[in-house]
Amino acid sequence: MRLAHALPALAAALLVWTSGCSFATQDEMTTAVTVGERPVAMEGTQTFFNGRVSVKVTLSRGIGRGLKQHNKDEREAYTKSDSKVFAGNPVPPVTLHLLVTNLGSDSLTVNLIDFNSDLGNFVIDPDTLVIAPGQTAEPLPMVSALGVNADILPFIVTLRVGGTRESRTFPVKSVLVDPATEKPIP
């Protein structure tokens, strides 16, 4: 009698498996890549070298420009890709920008030595920026799959200009505010 129930169940499972039916689970990394980078949610600024250099760190949910919503083939190719990383973290990944502004009157060569936080110790590429007076430059954006679970995150940034090296620890805070309560939105 058990065999009579097991055979139809086995046949149904085999039919589904061979018919090519499948479903992809939507993890946070896939969602972030599909949607793309959202507006800035957190930011912090600090000055270096007696006010000659300003560093602004911004965080946004999402990654890159996003996969076109109408291009199902592109989205499906990503979700089935062997190179896709599964972070296993329920918090959405974030994109970090490190913006360096020359506040001085001479061009500066700024070496980006360290960029570290609870979201990771990031490799900065390129690690040297030549910035004209009054201009802003930035290395490539960085992505943390760890996501954000706080309203304030301390960042450590270390720079070198000429023979002088400076390191600052400064807060990056939520800039999203609920208009009703005037409190930060996590």
N, C-alpha and C. Protein backbone atom coordinates (compact mmCIF):
# COMPACT_ATOMS: atom_id res chain seq x y z
N MET A 1 0.81 -1.19 0.00
CA MET A 1 0.00 0.00 0.00
C MET A 1 0.86 1.26 0.00
N ARG A 2 1.97 1.23 0.77
CA ARG A 2 2.87 2.39 0.80
C ARG A 2 3.48 2.63 -0.57
N LEU A 3 3.80 1.56 -1.26
CA LEU A 3 4.38 1.67 -2.59
C LEU A 3 3.40 2.33 -3.55
N ALA A 4 2.12 2.08 -3.39
CA ALA A 4 1.10 2.66 -4.25
C ALA A 4 1.03 4.18 -4.07
N HIS A 5 1.31 4.68 -2.87
CA HIS A 5 1.33 6.13 -2.63
C HIS A 5 2.66 6.74 -3.01
N ALA A 6 3.74 6.00 -2.83
CA ALA A 6 5.08 6.53 -3.10
C ALA A 6 5.33 6.68 -4.59
N LEU A 7 4.84 5.77 -5.42
CA LEU A 7 5.09 5.84 -6.86
C LEU A 7 4.49 7.09 -7.50
N PRO A 8 3.24 7.47 -7.24
CA PRO A 8 2.73 8.71 -7.83
C PRO A 8 3.50 9.97 -7.36
N ALA A 9 3.89 9.98 -6.09
CA ALA A 9 4.66 11.13 -5.58
C ALA A 9 6.01 11.21 -6.27
N LEU A 10 6.67 10.07 -6.46
CA LEU A 10 7.95 10.03 -7.15
C LEU A 10 7.78 10.45 -8.60
N ALA A 11 6.73 10.01 -9.24
CA ALA A 11 6.48 10.39 -10.63
C ALA A 11 6.23 11.89 -10.76
N ALA A 12 5.48 12.47 -9.83
CA ALA A 12 5.22 13.91 -9.87
C ALA A 12 6.51 14.70 -9.65
N ALA A 13 7.34 14.26 -8.72
CA ALA A 13 8.61 14.94 -8.48
C ALA A 13 9.52 14.85 -9.69
N LEU A 14 9.56 13.71 -10.34
CA LEU A 14 10.37 13.52 -11.54
C LEU A 14 9.85 14.40 -12.68
N LEU A 15 8.55 14.52 -12.80
CA LEU A 15 7.96 15.35 -13.84
C LEU A 15 8.33 16.82 -13.65
N VAL A 16 8.24 17.31 -12.43
CA VAL A 16 8.60 18.71 -12.15
C VAL A 16 10.09 18.92 -12.40
N TRP A 17 10.92 18.00 -11.98
CA TRP A 17 12.37 18.13 -12.13
C TRP A 17 12.76 18.13 -13.59
N THR A 18 12.18 17.29 -14.40
CA THR A 18 12.56 17.19 -15.81
C THR A 18 11.89 18.23 -16.69
N SER A 19 10.84 18.89 -16.20
CA SER A 19 10.14 19.87 -17.03
C SER A 19 10.86 21.20 -17.09
N GLY A 20 11.92 21.37 -16.32
CA GLY A 20 12.66 22.63 -16.33
C GLY A 20 12.07 23.67 -15.40
N CYS A 21 11.07 23.30 -14.64
CA CYS A 21 10.49 24.26 -13.71
C CYS A 21 11.46 24.46 -12.55
N SER A 22 11.67 25.68 -12.24
CA SER A 22 12.50 25.98 -11.08
C SER A 22 12.10 27.35 -10.58
N PHE A 23 12.56 27.67 -9.39
CA PHE A 23 12.33 29.00 -8.88
C PHE A 23 13.62 29.47 -8.23
N ALA A 24 13.85 30.75 -8.34
CA ALA A 24 15.04 31.33 -7.76
C ALA A 24 14.63 32.10 -6.50
N THR A 25 15.35 31.86 -5.44
CA THR A 25 15.07 32.61 -4.24
C THR A 25 15.68 34.00 -4.39
N GLN A 26 15.00 34.98 -3.91
CA GLN A 26 15.47 36.35 -4.03
C GLN A 26 16.21 36.72 -2.75
N ASP A 27 17.54 36.68 -2.78
CA ASP A 27 18.34 37.05 -1.63
C ASP A 27 18.59 38.56 -1.66
N GLU A 28 19.11 39.13 -0.58
CA GLU A 28 19.33 40.58 -0.48
C GLU A 28 20.35 41.07 -1.49
N MET A 29 21.38 40.26 -1.79
CA MET A 29 22.39 40.69 -2.76
C MET A 29 21.77 40.81 -4.15
N THR A 30 20.94 39.84 -4.54
CA THR A 30 20.28 39.90 -5.84
C THR A 30 19.36 41.11 -5.92
N THR A 31 18.62 41.35 -4.85
CA THR A 31 17.74 42.52 -4.82
C THR A 31 18.55 43.80 -4.99
N ALA A 32 19.68 43.91 -4.29
CA ALA A 32 20.52 45.11 -4.36
C ALA A 32 21.06 45.34 -5.76
N VAL A 33 21.48 44.28 -6.43
CA VAL A 33 22.01 44.40 -7.78
C VAL A 33 20.89 44.73 -8.76
N THR A 34 19.74 44.10 -8.59
CA THR A 34 18.61 44.32 -9.49
C THR A 34 18.08 45.75 -9.40
N VAL A 35 17.92 46.25 -8.19
CA VAL A 35 17.34 47.58 -7.97
C VAL A 35 18.36 48.68 -8.26
N GLY A 36 19.61 48.47 -7.90
CA GLY A 36 20.64 49.50 -8.08
C GLY A 36 20.77 50.37 -6.84
N GLU A 37 21.74 51.28 -6.92
CA GLU A 37 22.03 52.14 -5.78
C GLU A 37 20.91 53.15 -5.55
N ARG A 38 20.48 53.27 -4.32
CA ARG A 38 19.41 54.18 -3.91
C ARG A 38 20.03 55.51 -3.46
N PRO A 39 19.22 56.50 -3.12
CA PRO A 39 19.76 57.77 -2.61
C PRO A 39 20.56 57.58 -1.32
N VAL A 40 21.41 58.54 -1.02
CA VAL A 40 22.26 58.49 0.16
C VAL A 40 21.40 58.37 1.42
N ALA A 41 21.76 57.41 2.26
CA ALA A 41 21.03 57.20 3.51
C ALA A 41 21.84 57.63 4.73
N MET A 42 23.18 57.59 4.60
CA MET A 42 24.06 57.97 5.70
C MET A 42 25.24 58.75 5.15
N GLU A 43 25.74 59.69 5.96
CA GLU A 43 26.94 60.41 5.54
C GLU A 43 27.66 61.01 6.74
N GLY A 44 28.93 61.29 6.53
CA GLY A 44 29.75 61.93 7.55
C GLY A 44 30.90 62.64 6.87
N THR A 45 31.37 63.75 7.47
CA THR A 45 32.44 64.55 6.89
C THR A 45 33.47 64.89 7.95
N GLN A 46 34.74 64.96 7.53
CA GLN A 46 35.84 65.32 8.42
C GLN A 46 36.90 66.05 7.60
N THR A 47 37.60 66.98 8.24
CA THR A 47 38.69 67.67 7.55
C THR A 47 40.03 67.13 8.01
N PHE A 48 41.01 67.24 7.11
CA PHE A 48 42.37 66.77 7.34
C PHE A 48 43.35 67.89 6.98
N PHE A 49 44.57 67.76 7.47
CA PHE A 49 45.68 68.62 7.08
C PHE A 49 45.33 70.11 7.27
N ASN A 50 44.95 70.44 8.49
CA ASN A 50 44.63 71.83 8.85
C ASN A 50 43.58 72.45 7.94
N GLY A 51 42.57 71.67 7.58
CA GLY A 51 41.47 72.17 6.79
C GLY A 51 41.72 72.23 5.28
N ARG A 52 42.84 71.68 4.81
CA ARG A 52 43.13 71.70 3.37
C ARG A 52 42.38 70.62 2.60
N VAL A 53 41.99 69.53 3.28
CA VAL A 53 41.31 68.41 2.63
C VAL A 53 40.07 68.05 3.43
N SER A 54 38.98 67.84 2.71
CA SER A 54 37.73 67.38 3.32
C SER A 54 37.41 65.99 2.79
N VAL A 55 36.98 65.12 3.68
CA VAL A 55 36.59 63.77 3.30
C VAL A 55 35.13 63.57 3.68
N LYS A 56 34.34 63.14 2.73
CA LYS A 56 32.93 62.83 2.96
C LYS A 56 32.72 61.36 2.63
N VAL A 57 32.10 60.63 3.56
CA VAL A 57 31.75 59.23 3.35
C VAL A 57 30.24 59.15 3.24
N THR A 58 29.74 58.49 2.19
CA THR A 58 28.30 58.29 2.05
C THR A 58 28.00 56.80 1.90
N LEU A 59 26.83 56.41 2.39
CA LEU A 59 26.34 55.04 2.26
C LEU A 59 24.96 55.07 1.62
N SER A 60 24.74 54.15 0.72
CA SER A 60 23.44 54.00 0.05
C SER A 60 23.12 52.53 -0.04
N ARG A 61 21.85 52.18 0.07
CA ARG A 61 21.45 50.80 -0.17
C ARG A 61 21.52 50.53 -1.66
N GLY A 62 21.74 49.28 -2.00
CA GLY A 62 21.79 48.89 -3.41
C GLY A 62 23.19 48.93 -3.97
N ILE A 63 23.32 48.41 -5.20
CA ILE A 63 24.63 48.30 -5.83
C ILE A 63 24.52 48.71 -7.29
N GLY A 64 25.41 49.58 -7.72
CA GLY A 64 25.52 49.92 -9.14
C GLY A 64 24.30 50.60 -9.71
N ARG A 65 24.16 50.51 -11.05
CA ARG A 65 23.05 51.15 -11.74
C ARG A 65 21.79 50.30 -11.74
N GLY A 66 21.90 49.05 -11.33
CA GLY A 66 20.74 48.17 -11.31
C GLY A 66 20.53 47.49 -12.64
N LEU A 67 19.88 46.35 -12.59
CA LEU A 67 19.54 45.63 -13.81
C LEU A 67 18.20 46.15 -14.29
N LYS A 68 18.09 46.37 -15.54
CA LYS A 68 16.87 46.94 -16.10
C LYS A 68 15.67 46.04 -15.76
N GLN A 69 14.64 46.65 -15.20
CA GLN A 69 13.47 45.90 -14.77
C GLN A 69 12.79 45.18 -15.92
N HIS A 70 12.84 45.74 -17.13
CA HIS A 70 12.17 45.11 -18.26
C HIS A 70 13.02 44.03 -18.92
N ASN A 71 14.30 43.89 -18.52
CA ASN A 71 15.18 42.91 -19.13
C ASN A 71 15.24 41.66 -18.25
N LYS A 72 14.27 40.80 -18.43
CA LYS A 72 14.16 39.59 -17.62
C LYS A 72 15.36 38.67 -17.84
N ASP A 73 15.88 38.61 -19.07
CA ASP A 73 17.02 37.74 -19.36
C ASP A 73 18.26 38.16 -18.58
N GLU A 74 18.50 39.47 -18.48
CA GLU A 74 19.65 39.97 -17.74
C GLU A 74 19.53 39.64 -16.26
N ARG A 75 18.34 39.84 -15.69
CA ARG A 75 18.13 39.53 -14.27
C ARG A 75 18.28 38.04 -14.02
N GLU A 76 17.71 37.23 -14.90
CA GLU A 76 17.77 35.79 -14.72
C GLU A 76 19.19 35.28 -14.86
N ALA A 77 19.95 35.86 -15.80
CA ALA A 77 21.35 35.45 -15.97
C ALA A 77 22.14 35.72 -14.70
N TYR A 78 21.89 36.87 -14.05
CA TYR A 78 22.59 37.17 -12.81
C TYR A 78 22.20 36.20 -11.71
N THR A 79 20.91 35.94 -11.55
CA THR A 79 20.46 35.09 -10.44
C THR A 79 20.95 33.65 -10.58
N LYS A 80 21.26 33.23 -11.82
CA LYS A 80 21.74 31.86 -12.04
C LYS A 80 23.26 31.79 -12.19
N SER A 81 23.94 32.92 -12.08
CA SER A 81 25.37 33.00 -12.29
C SER A 81 26.15 32.25 -11.21
N ASP A 82 27.21 31.56 -11.65
CA ASP A 82 28.08 30.87 -10.69
C ASP A 82 28.92 31.87 -9.90
N SER A 83 29.15 33.05 -10.46
CA SER A 83 29.99 34.03 -9.78
C SER A 83 29.22 34.86 -8.76
N LYS A 84 27.90 34.70 -8.71
CA LYS A 84 27.09 35.43 -7.75
C LYS A 84 27.47 35.03 -6.33
N VAL A 85 27.54 36.01 -5.47
CA VAL A 85 27.92 35.75 -4.08
C VAL A 85 26.66 35.73 -3.21
N PHE A 86 26.53 34.69 -2.41
CA PHE A 86 25.44 34.63 -1.44
C PHE A 86 26.02 35.02 -0.09
N ALA A 87 25.60 36.16 0.39
CA ALA A 87 26.13 36.65 1.65
C ALA A 87 25.46 35.97 2.84
N GLY A 88 24.22 35.56 2.68
CA GLY A 88 23.51 34.92 3.78
C GLY A 88 23.12 35.90 4.86
N ASN A 89 23.12 37.18 4.55
CA ASN A 89 22.80 38.20 5.53
C ASN A 89 21.44 38.80 5.18
N PRO A 90 20.53 38.90 6.13
CA PRO A 90 19.20 39.43 5.84
C PRO A 90 19.18 40.95 5.69
N VAL A 91 20.28 41.64 6.00
CA VAL A 91 20.34 43.08 5.89
C VAL A 91 20.82 43.45 4.49
N PRO A 92 20.18 44.42 3.83
CA PRO A 92 20.59 44.77 2.47
C PRO A 92 22.03 45.28 2.41
N PRO A 93 22.78 44.90 1.38
CA PRO A 93 24.14 45.42 1.21
C PRO A 93 24.11 46.91 0.88
N VAL A 94 25.24 47.58 1.12
CA VAL A 94 25.33 49.01 0.88
C VAL A 94 26.52 49.35 0.01
N THR A 95 26.42 50.49 -0.70
CA THR A 95 27.51 51.02 -1.49
C THR A 95 28.08 52.22 -0.74
N LEU A 96 29.40 52.25 -0.63
CA LEU A 96 30.09 53.32 0.08
C LEU A 96 30.86 54.17 -0.92
N HIS A 97 30.78 55.49 -0.73
CA HIS A 97 31.55 56.43 -1.54
C HIS A 97 32.48 57.21 -0.60
N LEU A 98 33.71 57.40 -1.04
CA LEU A 98 34.71 58.17 -0.31
C LEU A 98 35.04 59.38 -1.19
N LEU A 99 34.52 60.54 -0.84
CA LEU A 99 34.69 61.76 -1.63
C LEU A 99 35.74 62.64 -0.97
N VAL A 100 36.78 62.99 -1.73
CA VAL A 100 37.89 63.78 -1.19
C VAL A 100 37.92 65.13 -1.92
N THR A 101 37.85 66.23 -1.15
CA THR A 101 37.82 67.57 -1.72
C THR A 101 39.06 68.34 -1.31
N ASN A 102 39.68 69.00 -2.28
CA ASN A 102 40.83 69.86 -2.03
C ASN A 102 40.30 71.25 -1.69
N LEU A 103 40.42 71.65 -0.44
CA LEU A 103 39.95 72.96 0.01
C LEU A 103 41.05 74.02 -0.08
N GLY A 104 42.26 73.60 -0.46
CA GLY A 104 43.40 74.51 -0.53
C GLY A 104 43.48 75.25 -1.86
N SER A 105 44.58 75.99 -2.03
CA SER A 105 44.77 76.80 -3.23
C SER A 105 45.77 76.17 -4.21
N ASP A 106 46.35 75.04 -3.85
CA ASP A 106 47.30 74.34 -4.73
C ASP A 106 46.78 72.94 -5.01
N SER A 107 47.19 72.37 -6.16
CA SER A 107 46.84 70.97 -6.45
C SER A 107 47.49 70.07 -5.41
N LEU A 108 46.79 69.00 -5.08
CA LEU A 108 47.29 68.05 -4.08
C LEU A 108 47.28 66.63 -4.63
N THR A 109 48.28 65.88 -4.24
CA THR A 109 48.28 64.44 -4.47
C THR A 109 47.95 63.80 -3.13
N VAL A 110 46.82 63.12 -3.05
CA VAL A 110 46.34 62.53 -1.81
C VAL A 110 46.43 61.01 -1.93
N ASN A 111 47.21 60.40 -1.03
CA ASN A 111 47.30 58.95 -0.95
C ASN A 111 46.26 58.47 0.05
N LEU A 112 45.38 57.57 -0.40
CA LEU A 112 44.33 57.01 0.43
C LEU A 112 44.88 55.74 1.06
N ILE A 113 45.24 55.82 2.33
CA ILE A 113 45.94 54.73 3.01
C ILE A 113 44.98 53.69 3.59
N ASP A 114 43.93 54.15 4.28
CA ASP A 114 43.04 53.20 4.97
C ASP A 114 41.61 53.73 4.98
N PHE A 115 40.66 52.79 4.86
CA PHE A 115 39.23 53.09 4.90
C PHE A 115 38.59 51.91 5.62
N ASN A 116 38.28 52.10 6.90
CA ASN A 116 37.90 50.98 7.75
C ASN A 116 36.67 51.34 8.59
N SER A 117 35.80 50.34 8.80
CA SER A 117 34.61 50.52 9.64
C SER A 117 34.10 49.15 10.05
N ASP A 118 32.97 49.16 10.74
CA ASP A 118 32.32 47.88 11.09
C ASP A 118 31.82 47.15 9.85
N LEU A 119 31.73 47.86 8.72
CA LEU A 119 31.27 47.25 7.46
C LEU A 119 32.41 46.58 6.71
N GLY A 120 33.63 46.77 7.17
CA GLY A 120 34.77 46.13 6.53
C GLY A 120 35.97 47.06 6.45
N ASN A 121 37.13 46.47 6.14
CA ASN A 121 38.35 47.22 5.88
C ASN A 121 38.52 47.17 4.37
N PHE A 122 38.29 48.28 3.69
CA PHE A 122 38.15 48.28 2.25
C PHE A 122 39.45 48.56 1.52
N VAL A 123 39.61 47.94 0.37
CA VAL A 123 40.72 48.22 -0.53
C VAL A 123 40.28 49.39 -1.39
N ILE A 124 41.08 50.44 -1.41
CA ILE A 124 40.73 51.66 -2.14
C ILE A 124 41.41 51.63 -3.51
N ASP A 125 40.60 51.83 -4.57
CA ASP A 125 41.12 51.78 -5.93
C ASP A 125 40.56 52.95 -6.73
N PRO A 126 41.38 53.83 -7.25
CA PRO A 126 42.83 53.91 -7.06
C PRO A 126 43.15 54.45 -5.67
N ASP A 127 44.36 54.20 -5.22
CA ASP A 127 44.72 54.64 -3.88
C ASP A 127 45.42 56.00 -3.86
N THR A 128 45.54 56.62 -5.02
CA THR A 128 46.12 57.96 -5.12
C THR A 128 45.25 58.83 -6.01
N LEU A 129 44.93 60.04 -5.52
CA LEU A 129 44.12 60.98 -6.27
C LEU A 129 44.89 62.29 -6.41
N VAL A 130 44.91 62.85 -7.60
CA VAL A 130 45.46 64.19 -7.82
C VAL A 130 44.25 65.11 -7.97
N ILE A 131 44.17 66.11 -7.07
CA ILE A 131 42.97 66.93 -7.00
C ILE A 131 43.35 68.41 -7.13
N ALA A 132 42.73 69.08 -8.10
CA ALA A 132 42.93 70.51 -8.31
C ALA A 132 42.24 71.29 -7.20
N PRO A 133 42.65 72.54 -6.97
CA PRO A 133 42.00 73.35 -5.93
C PRO A 133 40.49 73.47 -6.15
N GLY A 134 39.73 73.28 -5.08
CA GLY A 134 38.28 73.40 -5.15
C GLY A 134 37.57 72.22 -5.78
N GLN A 135 38.31 71.21 -6.19
CA GLN A 135 37.71 70.05 -6.87
C GLN A 135 37.55 68.87 -5.90
N THR A 136 36.66 67.96 -6.29
CA THR A 136 36.41 66.73 -5.53
C THR A 136 36.71 65.54 -6.42
N ALA A 137 37.33 64.51 -5.83
CA ALA A 137 37.61 63.28 -6.56
C ALA A 137 37.23 62.11 -5.65
N GLU A 138 37.02 60.96 -6.27
CA GLU A 138 36.70 59.78 -5.46
C GLU A 138 37.23 58.52 -6.14
N PRO A 139 37.66 57.55 -5.32
CA PRO A 139 38.00 56.25 -5.88
C PRO A 139 36.72 55.52 -6.26
N LEU A 140 36.86 54.32 -6.78
CA LEU A 140 35.70 53.52 -7.13
C LEU A 140 34.84 53.25 -5.90
N PRO A 141 33.52 53.23 -6.05
CA PRO A 141 32.66 52.91 -4.91
C PRO A 141 32.98 51.50 -4.38
N MET A 142 32.74 51.31 -3.10
CA MET A 142 32.98 50.02 -2.45
C MET A 142 31.65 49.48 -1.95
N VAL A 143 31.55 48.15 -1.88
CA VAL A 143 30.30 47.51 -1.46
C VAL A 143 30.55 46.66 -0.22
N SER A 144 29.66 46.79 0.74
CA SER A 144 29.69 45.93 1.92
C SER A 144 28.44 45.07 1.93
N ALA A 145 28.64 43.77 1.95
CA ALA A 145 27.52 42.83 2.02
C ALA A 145 27.02 42.68 3.46
N LEU A 146 27.71 43.30 4.41
CA LEU A 146 27.30 43.18 5.80
C LEU A 146 26.06 43.99 6.11
N GLY A 147 25.81 45.04 5.35
CA GLY A 147 24.63 45.87 5.58
C GLY A 147 24.77 46.72 6.83
N VAL A 148 23.82 47.60 7.03
CA VAL A 148 23.86 48.55 8.14
C VAL A 148 22.76 48.20 9.13
N ASN A 149 23.12 48.16 10.40
CA ASN A 149 22.13 47.89 11.44
C ASN A 149 22.24 48.89 12.59
N ALA A 150 22.71 50.11 12.27
CA ALA A 150 22.85 51.16 13.28
C ALA A 150 22.59 52.52 12.63
N ASP A 151 22.25 53.52 13.45
CA ASP A 151 22.05 54.88 12.95
C ASP A 151 23.36 55.64 12.80
N ILE A 152 24.40 55.17 13.51
CA ILE A 152 25.71 55.83 13.48
C ILE A 152 26.78 54.75 13.37
N LEU A 153 27.71 54.93 12.43
CA LEU A 153 28.84 54.02 12.27
C LEU A 153 30.14 54.82 12.30
N PRO A 154 31.12 54.43 13.13
CA PRO A 154 32.40 55.12 13.10
C PRO A 154 33.25 54.61 11.92
N PHE A 155 33.85 55.55 11.18
CA PHE A 155 34.76 55.21 10.09
C PHE A 155 36.14 55.74 10.42
N ILE A 156 37.16 54.99 10.05
CA ILE A 156 38.55 55.41 10.20
C ILE A 156 39.09 55.62 8.80
N VAL A 157 39.54 56.85 8.55
CA VAL A 157 40.12 57.18 7.25
C VAL A 157 41.54 57.68 7.51
N THR A 158 42.49 57.15 6.76
CA THR A 158 43.89 57.57 6.86
C THR A 158 44.36 58.03 5.50
N LEU A 159 44.92 59.25 5.46
CA LEU A 159 45.40 59.86 4.22
C LEU A 159 46.86 60.28 4.40
N ARG A 160 47.54 60.47 3.25
CA ARG A 160 48.88 61.04 3.26
C ARG A 160 48.95 62.08 2.16
N VAL A 161 49.45 63.26 2.51
CA VAL A 161 49.74 64.31 1.54
C VAL A 161 51.19 64.68 1.76
N GLY A 162 52.01 64.49 0.71
CA GLY A 162 53.45 64.71 0.87
C GLY A 162 53.99 63.74 1.90
N GLY A 163 54.71 64.24 2.88
CA GLY A 163 55.27 63.38 3.92
C GLY A 163 54.41 63.31 5.17
N THR A 164 53.23 63.94 5.13
CA THR A 164 52.38 63.99 6.32
C THR A 164 51.24 62.99 6.20
N ARG A 165 51.09 62.21 7.25
CA ARG A 165 50.03 61.19 7.31
C ARG A 165 49.08 61.55 8.45
N GLU A 166 47.76 61.51 8.16
CA GLU A 166 46.76 61.79 9.19
C GLU A 166 45.67 60.74 9.15
N SER A 167 45.18 60.42 10.35
CA SER A 167 44.09 59.47 10.48
C SER A 167 43.00 60.11 11.33
N ARG A 168 41.77 59.93 10.92
CA ARG A 168 40.63 60.46 11.66
C ARG A 168 39.59 59.36 11.81
N THR A 169 38.97 59.32 12.99
CA THR A 169 37.80 58.48 13.21
C THR A 169 36.63 59.43 13.34
N PHE A 170 35.62 59.23 12.51
CA PHE A 170 34.47 60.12 12.56
C PHE A 170 33.18 59.36 12.27
N PRO A 171 32.06 59.88 12.80
CA PRO A 171 30.79 59.18 12.64
C PRO A 171 30.17 59.42 11.27
N VAL A 172 29.57 58.38 10.75
CA VAL A 172 28.73 58.46 9.56
C VAL A 172 27.33 58.19 10.07
N LYS A 173 26.44 59.17 9.89
CA LYS A 173 25.12 59.12 10.51
C LYS A 173 24.01 59.05 9.47
N SER A 174 22.87 58.53 9.91
CA SER A 174 21.69 58.49 9.07
C SER A 174 21.26 59.91 8.72
N VAL A 175 20.97 60.14 7.44
CA VAL A 175 20.46 61.45 7.01
C VAL A 175 18.97 61.36 6.67
N LEU A 176 18.41 60.18 6.83
CA LEU A 176 16.98 60.00 6.58
C LEU A 176 16.22 60.35 7.85
N VAL A 177 15.25 61.22 7.73
CA VAL A 177 14.49 61.68 8.90
C VAL A 177 13.00 61.50 8.62
N ASP A 178 12.30 60.95 9.60
CA ASP A 178 10.85 60.83 9.53
C ASP A 178 10.26 62.20 9.81
N PRO A 179 9.54 62.81 8.85
CA PRO A 179 9.02 64.16 9.07
C PRO A 179 8.06 64.26 10.25
N ALA A 180 7.37 63.20 10.57
CA ALA A 180 6.38 63.23 11.66
C ALA A 180 7.08 63.28 13.02
N THR A 181 8.15 62.52 13.19
CA THR A 181 8.82 62.44 14.48
C THR A 181 10.14 63.19 14.53
N GLU A 182 10.67 63.58 13.36
CA GLU A 182 11.97 64.23 13.23
C GLU A 182 13.10 63.37 13.80
N LYS A 183 12.89 62.06 13.80
CA LYS A 183 13.90 61.12 14.26
C LYS A 183 14.47 60.40 13.03
N PRO A 184 15.75 59.95 13.14
CA PRO A 184 16.34 59.22 12.00
C PRO A 184 15.56 57.95 11.66
N ILE A 185 15.49 57.67 10.39
CA ILE A 185 14.86 56.43 9.91
C ILE A 185 15.97 55.41 9.72
N PRO A 186 15.91 54.27 10.38
CA PRO A 186 16.97 53.28 10.23
C PRO A 186 17.01 52.68 8.83
